[in-house]
Amino acid sequence: MTEQASIGVGRYGLCAGCPYTDSHLSHNRCKPGDSCVRAHSGRQIDRFFRANKDQAEHFLADLFWERRAIAARYAPIELIGHLVNDNDEIVRRVVVDRIPADILVRMISDPDREVRLGVAARIPEEHLARMLHDPDYLIRATVARRLPHGQLAKMAKDNEREVRKVVAARLPAFALDMLVDDPEPEVRAIVAERALPGLAAALLADSEWWVRLAAVGNAPLEHLPPLTSDPESEVREAALARLTEENAN
């Protein structure tokens, strides 16, 4: 085999019988070993489509999943909608980032977590409630970050701590009492940092010191003196500092 054939050009190379040999190779729009749509190399395929975006639509039904996925990055958006049902999750992951947000409803129950994450990040708000009970907590956390405030209460009892932490960080302050007895101190600490004075005062008696510490900043001053004898030095120092500051004013 000649050296030329070994890099793709010639009777036995990838260029043999390729429809782009005359139209593209001769005009430096593709290059064997570097930019080639027939190669089994994602890098080479991507380089080809990057230079020849007008050809991507012709490979959306290609048998090779990676070629379809890369073609979906460059093909016109209006031509890739059918790929929401592609049998390869990598293809669908490309599609979920490109198709119009209102079409994403068709991918809410996709079996691939990464695809559903893309859906949760972009789907119109009015459809987010359909993902409240997704089996993956990362997706539910993404939903919690985008859900309208009026619907966040529905996620306050989620069984995953990370989801409830997002809820605690976003709930209106007046609604935080629904998380004051959360079993996880990390959630209660977020509540304490944002709590209205009355709720913060209640959290000064929390069993975890960092929750009490977070509550010191929001609790009414008259509730702080007992904290100057707290067993944890950071809590004592925070309470003393706030009381001292107030007395100085």
Protein backbone atom coordinates (compact mmCIF):
# COMPACT_ATOMS: atom_id res chain seq x y z
CA MET A 1 0.00 0.00 0.00
CA THR A 2 1.38 3.40 -0.88
CA GLU A 3 2.00 6.05 1.76
CA GLN A 4 -0.71 8.15 0.12
CA ALA A 5 -3.28 5.36 0.49
CA SER A 6 -2.27 4.76 4.10
CA ILE A 7 -3.40 8.27 5.11
CA GLY A 8 -6.70 7.91 3.32
CA VAL A 9 -6.11 8.96 -0.29
CA GLY A 10 -6.12 6.39 -3.04
CA ARG A 11 -7.77 3.16 -4.06
CA TYR A 12 -7.74 1.62 -0.57
CA GLY A 13 -8.05 4.70 1.63
CA LEU A 14 -11.10 6.40 3.09
CA CYS A 15 -11.23 8.69 0.08
CA ALA A 16 -11.93 5.74 -2.25
CA GLY A 17 -15.46 6.21 -3.52
CA CYS A 18 -16.09 9.19 -1.26
CA PRO A 19 -18.47 11.71 -2.86
CA TYR A 20 -16.41 14.54 -1.39
CA THR A 21 -13.14 13.61 -3.05
CA ASP A 22 -13.63 15.85 -6.06
CA SER A 23 -15.72 18.61 -4.54
CA HIS A 24 -14.00 19.01 -1.18
CA LEU A 25 -10.60 17.31 -1.09
CA SER A 26 -9.38 19.15 -4.14
CA HIS A 27 -10.47 22.46 -2.59
CA ASN A 28 -8.93 21.79 0.83
CA ARG A 29 -12.34 21.49 2.49
CA CYS A 30 -11.38 18.09 3.92
CA LYS A 31 -8.08 16.36 4.61
CA PRO A 32 -7.44 12.66 5.28
CA GLY A 33 -6.15 12.13 8.79
CA ASP A 34 -7.30 15.56 9.90
CA SER A 35 -10.75 16.52 8.61
CA CYS A 36 -12.74 13.58 7.31
CA VAL A 37 -16.40 12.66 7.57
CA ARG A 38 -15.72 9.00 6.83
CA ALA A 39 -13.20 8.56 9.62
CA HIS A 40 -14.10 6.84 12.88
CA SER A 41 -12.63 9.77 14.77
CA GLY A 42 -14.86 12.32 16.43
CA ARG A 43 -12.19 14.96 16.12
CA GLN A 44 -11.85 14.50 12.36
CA ILE A 45 -15.62 14.38 11.82
CA ASP A 46 -16.09 17.53 13.85
CA ARG A 47 -13.45 19.36 11.85
CA PHE A 48 -15.17 18.32 8.64
CA PHE A 49 -18.57 19.61 9.71
CA ARG A 50 -17.08 22.75 11.20
CA ALA A 51 -15.71 23.60 7.77
CA ASN A 52 -18.73 22.24 5.89
CA LYS A 53 -21.79 23.00 7.99
CA ASP A 54 -24.02 22.74 4.94
CA GLN A 55 -23.32 19.01 4.76
CA ALA A 56 -24.28 18.13 8.35
CA GLU A 57 -27.97 17.60 7.58
CA HIS A 58 -27.09 14.72 5.25
CA PHE A 59 -25.68 12.66 8.15
CA LEU A 60 -28.47 12.93 10.70
CA ALA A 61 -29.54 9.36 9.93
CA ASP A 62 -26.03 7.94 9.65
CA LEU A 63 -25.46 4.46 11.09
CA PHE A 64 -22.51 5.64 13.19
CA TRP A 65 -23.80 7.26 16.42
CA GLU A 66 -20.88 9.66 16.74
CA ARG A 67 -21.35 10.93 13.21
CA ARG A 68 -25.04 11.57 13.93
CA ALA A 69 -24.21 13.32 17.20
CA ILE A 70 -21.66 15.63 15.61
CA ALA A 71 -23.88 16.31 12.62
CA ALA A 72 -26.64 17.31 15.06
CA ARG A 73 -24.37 20.04 16.42
CA TYR A 74 -24.07 21.71 13.04
CA ALA A 75 -27.28 20.89 11.17
CA PRO A 76 -30.08 23.47 11.08
CA ILE A 77 -32.13 23.31 14.30
CA GLU A 78 -35.36 22.74 12.42
CA LEU A 79 -33.98 19.47 11.01
CA ILE A 80 -32.90 17.74 14.24
CA GLY A 81 -36.23 17.46 16.07
CA HIS A 82 -36.71 13.81 15.15
CA LEU A 83 -33.49 12.95 16.99
CA VAL A 84 -35.23 13.36 20.35
CA ASN A 85 -35.98 9.67 19.92
CA ASP A 86 -32.55 8.62 18.70
CA ASN A 87 -31.44 5.28 20.16
CA ASP A 88 -28.13 6.73 21.34
CA GLU A 89 -28.05 8.94 24.42
CA ILE A 90 -25.05 10.94 23.16
CA VAL A 91 -27.05 12.06 20.16
CA ARG A 92 -29.97 13.02 22.40
CA ARG A 93 -27.63 14.97 24.70
CA VAL A 94 -26.62 17.11 21.74
CA VAL A 95 -30.21 17.58 20.67
CA VAL A 96 -31.46 18.59 24.13
CA ASP A 97 -29.09 21.57 24.14
CA ARG A 98 -30.19 22.82 20.73
CA ILE A 99 -33.87 22.27 20.10
CA PRO A 100 -36.39 24.98 21.00
CA ALA A 101 -37.34 24.89 24.68
CA ASP A 102 -41.00 24.20 23.96
CA ILE A 103 -40.11 20.89 22.28
CA LEU A 104 -38.23 19.66 25.35
CA VAL A 105 -41.48 18.39 26.87
CA ARG A 106 -41.06 15.35 24.63
CA MET A 107 -37.84 14.46 26.48
CA ILE A 108 -39.04 14.78 30.10
CA SER A 109 -39.01 11.00 30.58
CA ASP A 110 -35.82 10.28 28.65
CA PRO A 111 -34.01 7.27 30.16
CA ASP A 112 -30.68 9.11 30.23
CA ARG A 113 -29.98 11.30 33.26
CA GLU A 114 -27.82 13.80 31.36
CA VAL A 115 -30.59 14.33 28.84
CA ARG A 116 -33.13 14.95 31.60
CA LEU A 117 -30.71 17.38 33.26
CA GLY A 118 -30.64 19.32 30.00
CA VAL A 119 -34.43 19.27 29.91
CA ALA A 120 -34.72 20.50 33.50
CA ALA A 121 -32.31 23.34 32.79
CA ARG A 122 -34.16 24.64 29.73
CA ILE A 123 -37.78 23.53 29.77
CA PRO A 124 -40.33 26.37 30.13
CA GLU A 125 -41.26 27.04 33.76
CA GLU A 126 -44.86 25.99 33.26
CA HIS A 127 -43.72 22.41 32.61
CA LEU A 128 -41.19 22.10 35.46
CA ALA A 129 -43.76 20.62 37.84
CA ARG A 130 -43.81 17.51 35.67
CA MET A 131 -40.25 16.78 36.84
CA LEU A 132 -40.82 17.22 40.57
CA HIS A 133 -40.59 13.48 41.17
CA ASP A 134 -37.77 12.59 38.81
CA PRO A 135 -35.88 9.58 40.23
CA ASP A 136 -32.55 11.45 40.10
CA TYR A 137 -31.98 14.01 42.86
CA LEU A 138 -29.69 16.17 40.72
CA ILE A 139 -32.55 16.72 38.33
CA ARG A 140 -34.94 17.53 41.15
CA ALA A 141 -32.37 19.99 42.51
CA THR A 142 -32.20 21.64 39.09
CA VAL A 143 -35.99 21.86 39.07
CA ALA A 144 -35.92 23.40 42.56
CA ARG A 145 -33.51 26.10 41.36
CA ARG A 146 -35.93 27.14 38.61
CA LEU A 147 -39.35 26.42 40.02
CA PRO A 148 -41.51 29.51 40.67
CA HIS A 149 -41.44 30.45 44.37
CA GLY A 150 -45.11 29.70 44.76
CA GLN A 151 -44.53 26.04 43.93
CA LEU A 152 -41.38 25.43 46.00
CA ALA A 153 -43.35 24.22 49.01
CA LYS A 154 -44.08 21.04 47.05
CA MET A 155 -40.38 20.14 47.33
CA ALA A 156 -39.87 20.96 51.00
CA LYS A 157 -40.29 17.29 51.93
CA ASP A 158 -38.12 15.86 49.18
CA ASN A 159 -36.24 12.80 50.45
CA GLU A 160 -32.85 14.16 49.34
CA ARG A 161 -30.97 16.67 51.49
CA GLU A 162 -29.38 18.48 48.53
CA VAL A 163 -32.79 19.22 47.06
CA ARG A 164 -34.11 20.57 50.36
CA LYS A 165 -31.01 22.76 50.66
CA VAL A 166 -31.93 24.40 47.37
CA VAL A 167 -35.50 24.84 48.56
CA ALA A 168 -34.29 26.38 51.84
CA ALA A 169 -32.14 28.84 49.91
CA ARG A 170 -35.04 29.95 47.69
CA LEU A 171 -38.20 29.83 49.77
CA PRO A 172 -39.53 33.24 50.83
CA ALA A 173 -38.41 33.97 54.38
CA PHE A 174 -41.96 33.86 55.71
CA ALA A 175 -42.32 30.25 54.48
CA LEU A 176 -39.13 28.84 56.00
CA ASP A 177 -40.92 27.48 59.05
CA MET A 178 -41.80 24.38 57.02
CA LEU A 179 -38.12 23.42 57.12
CA VAL A 180 -37.31 24.39 60.70
CA ASP A 181 -37.53 20.76 61.84
CA ASP A 182 -35.66 19.32 58.88
CA PRO A 183 -33.64 16.25 59.93
CA GLU A 184 -30.49 17.60 58.28
CA PRO A 185 -28.56 20.37 60.08
CA GLU A 186 -27.22 21.66 56.76
CA VAL A 187 -30.78 22.47 55.74
CA ARG A 188 -31.62 24.04 59.11
CA ALA A 189 -28.46 26.17 58.91
CA ILE A 190 -29.62 27.65 55.61
CA VAL A 191 -33.01 28.31 57.20
CA ALA A 192 -31.32 30.03 60.16
CA GLU A 193 -29.26 32.28 57.86
CA ARG A 194 -32.41 33.54 56.15
CA ALA A 195 -34.97 33.29 58.94
CA LEU A 196 -37.17 36.09 60.19
CA PRO A 197 -36.41 37.05 63.83
CA GLY A 198 -38.99 34.80 65.46
CA LEU A 199 -37.90 31.69 63.63
CA ALA A 200 -34.22 32.54 64.16
CA ALA A 201 -34.85 32.78 67.90
CA ALA A 202 -36.29 29.25 67.88
CA LEU A 203 -33.20 27.96 66.08
CA LEU A 204 -30.89 29.34 68.78
CA ALA A 205 -31.76 26.17 70.70
CA ASP A 206 -30.86 23.84 67.82
CA SER A 207 -28.82 20.78 68.74
CA GLU A 208 -26.15 21.55 66.12
CA TRP A 209 -23.80 24.42 66.92
CA TRP A 210 -23.46 25.68 63.35
CA VAL A 211 -27.22 26.07 63.13
CA ARG A 212 -27.17 28.14 66.32
CA LEU A 213 -24.29 30.16 64.89
CA ALA A 214 -26.25 30.90 61.72
CA ALA A 215 -29.27 31.96 63.78
CA VAL A 216 -27.31 34.48 65.88
CA GLY A 217 -27.28 37.03 63.08
CA ASN A 218 -31.07 37.14 62.71
CA ALA A 219 -32.39 36.50 66.19
CA PRO A 220 -33.72 39.37 68.35
CA LEU A 221 -31.03 40.72 70.68
CA GLU A 222 -32.97 39.83 73.82
CA HIS A 223 -32.56 36.14 72.96
CA LEU A 224 -28.77 36.27 72.63
CA PRO A 225 -27.44 36.53 76.24
CA PRO A 226 -27.82 32.76 76.89
CA LEU A 227 -25.66 32.13 73.83
CA THR A 228 -22.71 33.88 75.47
CA SER A 229 -22.37 30.69 77.52
CA ASP A 230 -22.80 28.32 74.59
CA PRO A 231 -20.48 25.29 74.72
CA GLU A 232 -19.10 26.21 71.27
CA SER A 233 -16.66 29.10 71.19
CA GLU A 234 -17.72 30.33 67.75
CA VAL A 235 -21.32 30.65 68.88
CA ARG A 236 -20.27 32.48 72.06
CA GLU A 237 -18.05 34.85 70.12
CA ALA A 238 -20.74 35.62 67.54
CA ALA A 239 -23.34 36.34 70.22
CA LEU A 240 -20.93 38.54 72.19
CA ALA A 241 -19.87 40.40 69.05
CA ARG A 242 -23.43 41.22 68.13
CA LEU A 243 -24.36 42.29 71.64
CA THR A 244 -21.20 44.42 71.91
CA GLU A 245 -21.90 46.06 68.57
CA GLU A 246 -25.44 46.90 69.60
CA ASN A 247 -24.32 48.34 72.94
CA ALA A 248 -21.73 50.46 71.17
CA ASN A 249 -24.48 52.02 69.07
